[in-house]
Amino acid sequence: MVENIFVAGLDSLHLAQLQSLKKAERYHFHSLISYEEIKCGKTFPVRSFVSRACQTLEEFAGSVDGVIGFWDFPVSTVLPYIRQQAGLAGPSLTSVLKCEHKYWSRLMQAEVVPELIPAFRVVNPFASDAVERCDLPFPFWLKPVKSVLSHLGFLVRDRIEFASCLETIREHIGRYARPFNYILGLADLPDEIRSVDGFHCIAESLISSGYQCTLEGYVLGGEVVIYGVIDSIREGGENCSSFARYQYPSALPAAVQGRMAAAAAKVLVRAGYDDAPFNIEFYWNRASDTIALLEVNTRISKSHCPLFKMVDGEYHHDVLIDVALGRQPRFPYRQGEYGVAAKFMLRRFQDGIVRRIPDLDAIERLKRTFPACEVTIKVRSGMRLSDLRDQDSYSFEIGELYLGADTGEELLARYRQALIMLPFAIEQIEAAA
């Protein structure tokens, strides 16, 4: 019997990945809302999406077997409520918010893994005395309690920089704060969280030293399972604030990965998170042999999907669907074509006007050279880089490139060759004095 799977944020790229799964003949995929509608507008239409999604599922003539999503906010945050309204299994909205509300998440982590988290403070950016009230020593990271891709995240080194960052945050925080507050309103919140809504920030002491990685896993029937660990390599000057690439499998020692997995299980069990996938980010400091927990995400990482395909032989949408249907995943291991794979983020660190992008012929030549590669160009000729939405505070992502190879050395050599084959021309704009 074919099972009906509804997908929030469906686009052509990920539909093709879903339809290429080895078990795809078992499923009929339906769009609950398109990627363009839920992620690409000036605002996130969360209220209308919830209403429309619930109505769509209620009126569907067949069986609604699963509702899935692989995008970050608002998809990952609101899907628990939609599943609940449709009578489907999945994590509670409260458990998801305990992970995704950065301040609430740190409070919860402090209960079970206090040694792995930084000192932190809640910050109201609209308070006239916000700078004076925050007693966290400089430097520290400042970010909204809800955002994505390090959007509005700043490394703050002194009081002047703190005040400047707060001014920028006040101007732009509403894009995420307003829809996040709507979702918070759907949950029963404790008093200490109800007063810290989406218009608030969290300041955290620095933990970003050493090696960063992400554990991909799921919780099913209370059992926490990790099926892959991906290294995150950063770039971008002294603060290394921007991702250069995600590389799989991880090069970290197995014992370190095991300690991270044990910590992840403690946090997820404490949150009451169950019957859903997750990814959780850590740092490992080799010199001190210590680990630190960065954040928990209540979804699979779409960025890691091709990496699993290249190395293990399947997109990890397979895990997402099995868990949504209440089935124990049987994900393949090291059955892919390559020994190592990476997603490279093509970045620029200064604003500019795009004068030329790689054309279709250039992309096709690259794919003939490296048949398994995938390329996404995120800019168009004539646009200004600062017009890109949801970027981190220190760079602009102009494209994505997925490559596989037998070894790490070969992978980086292929990347260097690919950069030559993908010519961009960007006229730099000097920053205002």
Protein backbone atom coordinates (compact mmCIF):
# COMPACT_ATOMS: atom_id res chain seq x y z
CA MET A 1 0.00 0.00 0.00
CA VAL A 2 1.33 3.43 -0.95
CA GLU A 3 1.72 5.80 2.00
CA ASN A 4 0.91 9.51 1.72
CA ILE A 5 3.71 11.78 2.92
CA PHE A 6 3.05 15.53 3.15
CA VAL A 7 6.13 17.75 2.86
CA ALA A 8 6.42 21.28 4.23
CA GLY A 9 8.70 23.44 2.10
CA LEU A 10 8.84 21.15 -0.91
CA ASP A 11 10.95 22.26 -3.87
CA SER A 12 12.09 20.55 -7.06
CA LEU A 13 15.57 19.70 -5.78
CA HIS A 14 14.39 17.92 -2.65
CA LEU A 15 11.45 16.30 -4.44
CA ALA A 16 13.98 14.72 -6.80
CA GLN A 17 15.98 13.47 -3.80
CA LEU A 18 12.85 12.04 -2.20
CA GLN A 19 11.79 10.32 -5.43
CA SER A 20 15.26 8.78 -5.83
CA LEU A 21 15.08 6.95 -2.49
CA LYS A 22 15.30 3.18 -2.78
CA LYS A 23 11.90 2.91 -1.04
CA ALA A 24 10.31 5.75 -3.02
CA GLU A 25 7.80 3.46 -4.72
CA ARG A 26 6.13 3.02 -1.33
CA TYR A 27 5.35 6.72 -1.00
CA HIS A 28 3.24 9.43 -2.60
CA PHE A 29 4.69 12.85 -1.79
CA HIS A 30 2.35 15.84 -1.44
CA SER A 31 3.33 19.48 -0.99
CA LEU A 32 1.91 20.99 2.19
CA ILE A 33 3.44 24.34 1.28
CA SER A 34 6.15 25.22 -1.22
CA TYR A 35 9.67 26.31 -0.31
CA GLU A 36 9.09 29.66 -2.04
CA GLU A 37 5.98 30.36 0.04
CA ILE A 38 7.35 29.48 3.46
CA LYS A 39 11.02 30.55 3.18
CA CYS A 40 11.52 33.15 0.44
CA GLY A 41 9.21 36.04 1.32
CA LYS A 42 9.89 39.21 3.26
CA THR A 43 7.90 37.66 6.09
CA PHE A 44 7.18 34.10 7.20
CA PRO A 45 3.45 33.32 6.72
CA VAL A 46 3.25 31.07 9.77
CA ARG A 47 -0.30 31.87 10.85
CA SER A 48 -1.80 31.27 7.40
CA PHE A 49 0.38 28.18 6.91
CA VAL A 50 -0.88 26.57 10.10
CA SER A 51 -4.50 27.22 9.17
CA ARG A 52 -4.10 26.03 5.58
CA ALA A 53 -2.05 22.97 6.49
CA CYS A 54 -4.52 21.77 9.10
CA GLN A 55 -7.39 22.23 6.65
CA THR A 56 -5.51 20.43 3.86
CA LEU A 57 -4.79 17.41 6.04
CA GLU A 58 -8.34 17.30 7.43
CA GLU A 59 -9.90 17.42 3.96
CA PHE A 60 -7.54 14.94 2.31
CA ALA A 61 -9.55 12.01 0.94
CA GLY A 62 -6.89 9.38 1.56
CA SER A 63 -4.83 8.40 4.58
CA VAL A 64 -2.43 10.98 6.01
CA ASP A 65 0.48 8.77 6.98
CA GLY A 66 3.19 11.31 7.70
CA VAL A 67 4.08 15.00 7.70
CA ILE A 68 7.75 15.86 7.26
CA GLY A 69 10.01 18.88 6.79
CA PHE A 70 13.75 19.38 6.48
CA TRP A 71 13.98 23.19 6.66
CA ASP A 72 14.84 25.21 9.72
CA PHE A 73 12.56 27.93 11.10
CA PRO A 74 9.66 28.21 10.71
CA VAL A 75 9.14 24.70 9.32
CA SER A 76 10.87 22.70 12.07
CA THR A 77 9.29 24.81 14.81
CA VAL A 78 5.67 24.69 13.70
CA LEU A 79 5.35 21.12 12.36
CA PRO A 80 4.79 19.55 15.81
CA TYR A 81 1.61 21.59 16.23
CA ILE A 82 0.36 20.64 12.75
CA ARG A 83 1.07 16.96 13.37
CA GLN A 84 -0.75 17.11 16.70
CA GLN A 85 -3.82 18.65 15.07
CA ALA A 86 -3.79 15.86 12.48
CA GLY A 87 -3.53 13.15 15.14
CA LEU A 88 -0.07 12.06 14.05
CA ALA A 89 2.79 10.89 16.25
CA GLY A 90 5.76 13.16 16.76
CA PRO A 91 7.49 15.36 19.32
CA SER A 92 5.43 17.76 21.38
CA LEU A 93 5.60 21.46 20.55
CA THR A 94 6.93 22.11 24.05
CA SER A 95 9.83 19.67 23.59
CA VAL A 96 10.74 21.31 20.27
CA LEU A 97 10.68 24.79 21.78
CA LYS A 98 12.89 23.60 24.64
CA CYS A 99 15.49 22.84 21.98
CA GLU A 100 14.95 25.73 19.55
CA HIS A 101 14.42 28.68 21.92
CA LYS A 102 18.09 29.39 22.59
CA TYR A 103 17.60 30.71 26.12
CA TRP A 104 15.19 27.95 27.18
CA SER A 105 17.54 25.39 25.64
CA ARG A 106 20.49 26.66 27.70
CA LEU A 107 18.42 26.57 30.89
CA MET A 108 17.53 22.95 30.15
CA GLN A 109 21.11 22.02 29.24
CA ALA A 110 22.33 23.57 32.47
CA GLU A 111 20.27 20.98 34.34
CA VAL A 112 21.91 17.93 32.73
CA VAL A 113 25.23 18.91 31.13
CA PRO A 114 26.30 22.12 32.92
CA GLU A 115 29.98 21.42 32.28
CA LEU A 116 29.43 21.55 28.48
CA ILE A 117 27.79 24.94 28.09
CA PRO A 118 29.00 28.54 28.26
CA ALA A 119 27.99 31.23 30.72
CA PHE A 120 24.91 32.96 29.29
CA ARG A 121 22.59 35.88 29.92
CA VAL A 122 19.27 36.96 28.47
CA VAL A 123 19.38 40.39 26.79
CA ASN A 124 16.47 42.67 25.96
CA PRO A 125 17.84 44.69 23.01
CA PHE A 126 15.09 47.29 23.45
CA ALA A 127 15.96 48.06 27.07
CA SER A 128 17.63 51.47 27.46
CA ASP A 129 20.12 49.97 29.91
CA ALA A 130 20.77 46.71 28.00
CA VAL A 131 24.52 47.31 27.79
CA GLU A 132 24.83 48.12 31.50
CA ARG A 133 22.65 45.21 32.65
CA CYS A 134 24.63 42.48 30.88
CA ASP A 135 27.43 41.46 33.26
CA LEU A 136 28.99 38.86 30.96
CA PRO A 137 32.70 39.61 30.39
CA PHE A 138 33.80 40.57 26.89
CA PRO A 139 34.16 39.06 24.36
CA PHE A 140 30.93 37.13 23.92
CA TRP A 141 28.50 36.07 21.21
CA LEU A 142 25.18 37.87 20.94
CA LYS A 143 22.25 36.41 18.98
CA PRO A 144 18.45 36.38 19.00
CA VAL A 145 16.76 33.56 20.89
CA LYS A 146 15.47 32.43 17.48
CA SER A 147 17.16 32.86 14.10
CA VAL A 148 18.88 30.71 11.50
CA LEU A 149 22.28 30.56 9.79
CA SER A 150 23.86 32.85 12.42
CA HIS A 151 21.56 35.66 11.23
CA LEU A 152 22.03 38.67 13.56
CA GLY A 153 24.72 36.83 15.45
CA PHE A 154 27.65 39.03 16.47
CA LEU A 155 30.97 38.65 18.21
CA VAL A 156 30.92 41.49 20.78
CA ARG A 157 34.30 42.70 22.06
CA ASP A 158 33.50 45.89 23.97
CA ARG A 159 30.69 48.21 25.07
CA ILE A 160 30.78 50.31 21.90
CA GLU A 161 30.48 47.23 19.71
CA PHE A 162 27.71 45.91 21.98
CA ALA A 163 25.65 49.08 21.53
CA SER A 164 26.19 49.05 17.76
CA CYS A 165 25.12 45.40 17.45
CA LEU A 166 22.00 46.05 19.53
CA GLU A 167 21.05 48.85 17.15
CA THR A 168 21.28 46.49 14.17
CA ILE A 169 19.34 43.79 16.01
CA ARG A 170 16.53 46.18 16.95
CA GLU A 171 16.13 47.10 13.29
CA HIS A 172 15.95 43.55 11.94
CA ILE A 173 14.90 41.16 14.72
CA GLY A 174 11.21 41.37 13.90
CA ARG A 175 11.52 39.16 10.81
CA TYR A 176 11.95 36.12 13.06
CA ALA A 177 10.54 37.42 16.33
CA ARG A 178 6.98 38.01 15.12
CA PRO A 179 6.34 34.53 13.66
CA PHE A 180 8.24 32.91 16.53
CA ASN A 181 6.01 34.68 19.02
CA TYR A 182 2.96 33.31 17.22
CA ILE A 183 4.33 29.78 17.64
CA LEU A 184 5.19 30.44 21.28
CA GLY A 185 1.55 31.43 21.74
CA LEU A 186 0.48 27.92 20.71
CA ALA A 187 2.36 26.36 23.65
CA ASP A 188 1.94 26.36 27.41
CA LEU A 189 5.09 28.14 28.57
CA PRO A 190 6.60 28.49 32.04
CA ASP A 191 6.67 32.05 33.39
CA GLU A 192 10.43 32.46 33.01
CA ILE A 193 10.16 31.69 29.29
CA ARG A 194 6.92 33.54 28.58
CA SER A 195 8.69 36.78 29.46
CA VAL A 196 11.61 36.04 27.09
CA ASP A 197 9.90 36.16 23.71
CA GLY A 198 11.34 36.34 20.21
CA PHE A 199 12.34 39.97 20.59
CA HIS A 200 15.01 38.95 23.11
CA CYS A 201 18.61 37.84 22.65
CA ILE A 202 21.04 35.60 24.44
CA ALA A 203 24.64 36.52 25.20
CA GLU A 204 27.06 33.60 25.59
CA SER A 205 30.71 33.37 26.54
CA LEU A 206 32.99 31.94 23.87
CA ILE A 207 33.17 28.19 23.36
CA SER A 208 34.06 28.22 19.66
CA SER A 209 37.60 26.91 19.94
CA GLY A 210 38.79 23.69 18.40
CA TYR A 211 36.91 21.41 16.06
CA GLN A 212 33.19 21.75 15.34
CA CYS A 213 30.97 18.88 14.31
CA THR A 214 27.32 17.92 14.01
CA LEU A 215 25.71 14.68 15.16
CA GLU A 216 22.78 13.51 13.04
CA GLY A 217 20.35 11.22 14.79
CA TYR A 218 16.79 10.43 15.82
CA VAL A 219 14.74 9.53 18.86
CA LEU A 220 12.18 6.76 18.50
CA GLY A 221 10.28 5.31 21.44
CA GLY A 222 12.63 7.09 23.81
CA GLU A 223 15.78 5.59 22.28
CA VAL A 224 18.38 8.07 21.00
CA VAL A 225 20.33 6.87 17.93
CA ILE A 226 23.24 8.64 16.20
CA TYR A 227 23.84 7.54 12.60
CA GLY A 228 26.39 10.07 11.35
CA VAL A 229 28.88 12.73 12.49
CA ILE A 230 29.85 15.56 10.14
CA ASP A 231 32.74 17.99 10.61
CA SER A 232 32.08 21.73 10.20
CA ILE A 233 35.09 23.71 9.02
CA ARG A 234 34.87 27.49 9.49
CA GLU A 235 36.54 30.51 7.92
CA GLY A 236 36.30 34.28 8.16
CA GLY A 237 39.15 35.97 9.99
CA GLU A 238 39.65 36.07 13.74
CA ASN A 239 36.11 35.11 14.68
CA CYS A 240 35.81 32.24 12.14
CA SER A 241 32.11 33.01 12.02
CA SER A 242 31.26 31.51 8.63
CA PHE A 243 31.13 27.89 7.47
CA ALA A 244 33.60 26.95 4.74
CA ARG A 245 32.46 23.36 4.35
CA TYR A 246 30.69 20.40 5.96
CA GLN A 247 32.72 17.20 5.56
CA TYR A 248 31.62 13.59 6.15
CA PRO A 249 32.60 11.33 7.77
CA SER A 250 34.07 13.11 10.77
CA ALA A 251 37.78 12.91 11.48
CA LEU A 252 37.26 13.26 15.26
CA PRO A 253 38.32 10.36 17.51
CA ALA A 254 35.62 7.76 18.09
CA ALA A 255 35.85 8.25 21.87
CA VAL A 256 35.14 11.97 21.49
CA GLN A 257 32.16 11.25 19.26
CA GLY A 258 30.90 8.83 21.89
CA ARG A 259 31.05 11.46 24.62
CA MET A 260 29.11 13.85 22.42
CA ALA A 261 26.48 11.20 21.72
CA ALA A 262 26.03 10.54 25.44
CA ALA A 263 25.60 14.26 26.13
CA ALA A 264 23.11 14.60 23.27
CA ALA A 265 21.01 11.77 24.72
CA LYS A 266 20.88 13.46 28.13
CA VAL A 267 19.66 16.74 26.62
CA LEU A 268 17.04 15.21 24.34
CA VAL A 269 15.63 12.96 27.07
CA ARG A 270 15.46 15.94 29.45
CA ALA A 271 13.56 17.92 26.80
CA GLY A 272 11.07 15.09 26.37
CA TYR A 273 11.87 15.06 22.65
CA ASP A 274 10.74 11.84 20.96
CA ASP A 275 9.70 10.26 17.65
CA ALA A 276 11.63 12.66 15.42
CA PRO A 277 15.09 13.32 13.96
CA PHE A 278 17.53 15.93 15.23
CA ASN A 279 21.00 17.29 14.73
CA ILE A 280 23.15 18.69 17.51
CA GLU A 281 26.37 20.70 17.23
CA PHE A 282 29.45 20.40 19.43
CA TYR A 283 33.02 21.67 19.71
CA TRP A 284 36.03 19.60 20.71
CA ASN A 285 39.15 21.26 22.07
CA ARG A 286 42.01 18.89 21.36
CA ALA A 287 44.46 20.58 23.75
CA SER A 288 42.19 20.23 26.80
CA ASP A 289 40.23 17.23 25.46
CA THR A 290 36.99 18.98 26.39
CA ILE A 291 33.70 19.19 24.50
CA ALA A 292 31.15 22.00 24.42
CA LEU A 293 27.55 21.96 23.23
CA LEU A 294 26.59 24.67 20.74
CA GLU A 295 22.93 24.05 19.83
CA VAL A 296 20.17 21.53 19.13
CA ASN A 297 18.15 21.51 15.89
CA THR A 298 14.88 19.56 15.67
CA ARG A 299 15.26 18.35 12.09
CA ILE A 300 17.64 16.58 9.76
CA SER A 301 20.12 18.87 8.05
CA LYS A 302 19.21 19.19 4.38
CA SER A 303 22.82 20.30 3.80
CA HIS A 304 24.02 16.86 4.83
CA CYS A 305 21.67 14.87 2.57
CA PRO A 306 24.02 14.58 -0.46
CA LEU A 307 26.94 13.75 1.86
CA PHE A 308 25.14 10.69 3.20
CA LYS A 309 24.18 9.73 -0.35
CA MET A 310 27.79 9.92 -1.57
CA VAL A 311 29.34 8.08 1.39
CA ASP A 312 26.61 5.78 2.76
CA GLY A 313 24.53 5.27 -0.36
CA GLU A 314 21.25 6.99 0.55
CA TYR A 315 19.84 10.43 1.35
CA HIS A 316 18.94 10.60 5.01
CA HIS A 317 15.43 11.62 4.05
CA ASP A 318 15.08 7.86 4.44
CA VAL A 319 15.55 8.21 8.21
CA LEU A 320 13.18 11.19 8.38
CA ILE A 321 10.38 9.27 6.69
CA ASP A 322 10.82 6.04 8.65
CA VAL A 323 10.68 7.89 11.96
CA ALA A 324 7.63 9.91 10.85
CA LEU A 325 5.89 6.62 10.09
CA GLY A 326 6.92 5.10 13.43
CA ARG A 327 9.32 2.60 11.86
CA GLN A 328 12.84 1.79 13.02
CA PRO A 329 15.23 3.13 10.35
CA ARG A 330 17.65 0.74 8.65
CA PHE A 331 20.00 3.30 7.19
CA PRO A 332 22.92 2.01 5.06
CA TYR A 333 26.52 2.46 6.20
CA ARG A 334 29.47 3.15 3.87
CA GLN A 335 27.70 1.77 0.80
CA GLY A 336 28.14 4.92 -1.27
CA GLU A 337 30.46 5.66 -4.17
CA TYR A 338 32.96 7.79 -2.20
CA GLY A 339 35.02 7.58 0.95
CA VAL A 340 34.53 11.24 1.82
CA ALA A 341 32.19 14.05 0.72
CA ALA A 342 31.71 17.73 1.49
CA LYS A 343 29.41 20.65 0.99
CA PHE A 344 31.48 23.74 0.19
CA MET A 345 29.94 27.17 0.82
CA LEU A 346 31.12 29.68 -1.77
CA ARG A 347 31.44 33.01 0.08
CA ARG A 348 32.46 36.60 -0.24
CA PHE A 349 33.39 38.68 2.80
CA GLN A 350 32.78 42.11 1.31
CA ASP A 351 29.66 43.60 -0.27
CA GLY A 352 29.59 43.92 -4.04
CA ILE A 353 27.60 43.89 -7.26
CA VAL A 354 27.41 40.58 -9.12
CA ARG A 355 28.59 41.12 -12.69
CA ARG A 356 28.83 37.51 -13.86
CA ILE A 357 27.86 34.07 -12.60
CA PRO A 358 28.76 30.61 -13.94
CA ASP A 359 26.52 29.80 -16.90
CA LEU A 360 24.78 26.50 -17.58
CA ASP A 361 27.60 25.35 -19.85
CA ALA A 362 30.15 25.85 -17.06
CA ILE A 363 27.99 23.90 -14.61
CA GLU A 364 27.48 21.07 -17.11
CA ARG A 365 31.23 20.86 -17.75
CA LEU A 366 31.80 20.59 -14.02
CA LYS A 367 29.22 17.81 -13.71
CA ARG A 368 30.83 15.90 -16.56
CA THR A 369 34.19 16.23 -14.79
CA PHE A 370 32.78 15.22 -11.39
CA PRO A 371 29.57 13.26 -12.12
CA ALA A 372 28.20 13.15 -8.54
CA CYS A 373 28.66 16.85 -7.85
CA GLU A 374 25.75 19.19 -7.14
CA VAL A 375 25.84 22.97 -7.64
CA THR A 376 23.49 25.74 -6.52
CA ILE A 377 24.10 29.37 -7.49
CA LYS A 378 22.45 31.73 -5.00
CA VAL A 379 23.02 35.07 -6.75
CA ARG A 380 22.11 36.55 -10.12
CA SER A 381 23.83 39.06 -12.34
CA GLY A 382 23.19 42.64 -11.31
CA MET A 383 22.21 41.97 -7.71
CA ARG A 384 23.96 43.38 -4.65
CA LEU A 385 25.25 40.84 -2.17
CA SER A 386 23.78 42.72 0.79
CA ASP A 387 20.33 42.11 -0.71
CA LEU A 388 20.67 38.41 0.09
CA ARG A 389 18.37 37.42 2.97
CA ASP A 390 19.24 35.56 6.16
CA GLN A 391 23.04 35.74 5.84
CA ASP A 392 25.41 35.60 8.77
CA SER A 393 26.77 38.93 9.99
CA TYR A 394 30.19 38.62 8.37
CA SER A 395 29.82 37.08 4.88
CA PHE A 396 27.61 36.47 1.86
CA GLU A 397 26.97 32.94 0.56
CA ILE A 398 26.90 33.08 -3.25
CA GLY A 399 26.70 29.36 -3.95
CA GLU A 400 26.90 25.77 -2.75
CA LEU A 401 29.00 22.95 -4.15
CA TYR A 402 28.83 19.25 -3.23
CA LEU A 403 31.75 16.99 -4.12
CA GLY A 404 32.83 13.45 -3.29
CA ALA A 405 36.25 11.77 -3.47
CA ASP A 406 38.18 8.78 -2.21
CA THR A 407 40.32 10.78 0.21
CA GLY A 408 40.30 14.16 1.90
CA GLU A 409 43.31 15.31 -0.11
CA GLU A 410 41.62 14.41 -3.38
CA LEU A 411 38.44 16.15 -2.21
CA LEU A 412 40.23 19.48 -1.66
CA ALA A 413 42.04 19.14 -5.00
CA ARG A 414 38.70 18.68 -6.75
CA TYR A 415 37.34 21.72 -4.93
CA ARG A 416 40.21 23.89 -6.15
CA GLN A 417 39.63 22.68 -9.69
CA ALA A 418 35.89 23.31 -9.39
CA LEU A 419 36.46 26.93 -8.31
CA ILE A 420 38.38 27.55 -11.51
CA MET A 421 35.55 26.02 -13.53
CA LEU A 422 32.88 28.15 -11.81
CA PRO A 423 33.87 31.77 -12.55
CA PHE A 424 32.14 34.59 -10.68
CA ALA A 425 32.77 38.30 -11.29
CA ILE A 426 31.79 40.55 -8.36
CA GLU A 427 32.58 44.23 -8.24
CA GLN A 428 33.43 45.08 -4.65
CA ILE A 429 31.76 47.95 -2.83
CA GLU A 430 33.91 49.71 -0.31
CA ALA A 431 32.40 49.83 3.17
CA ALA A 432 31.33 53.25 4.39
CA ALA A 433 33.87 54.92 6.66
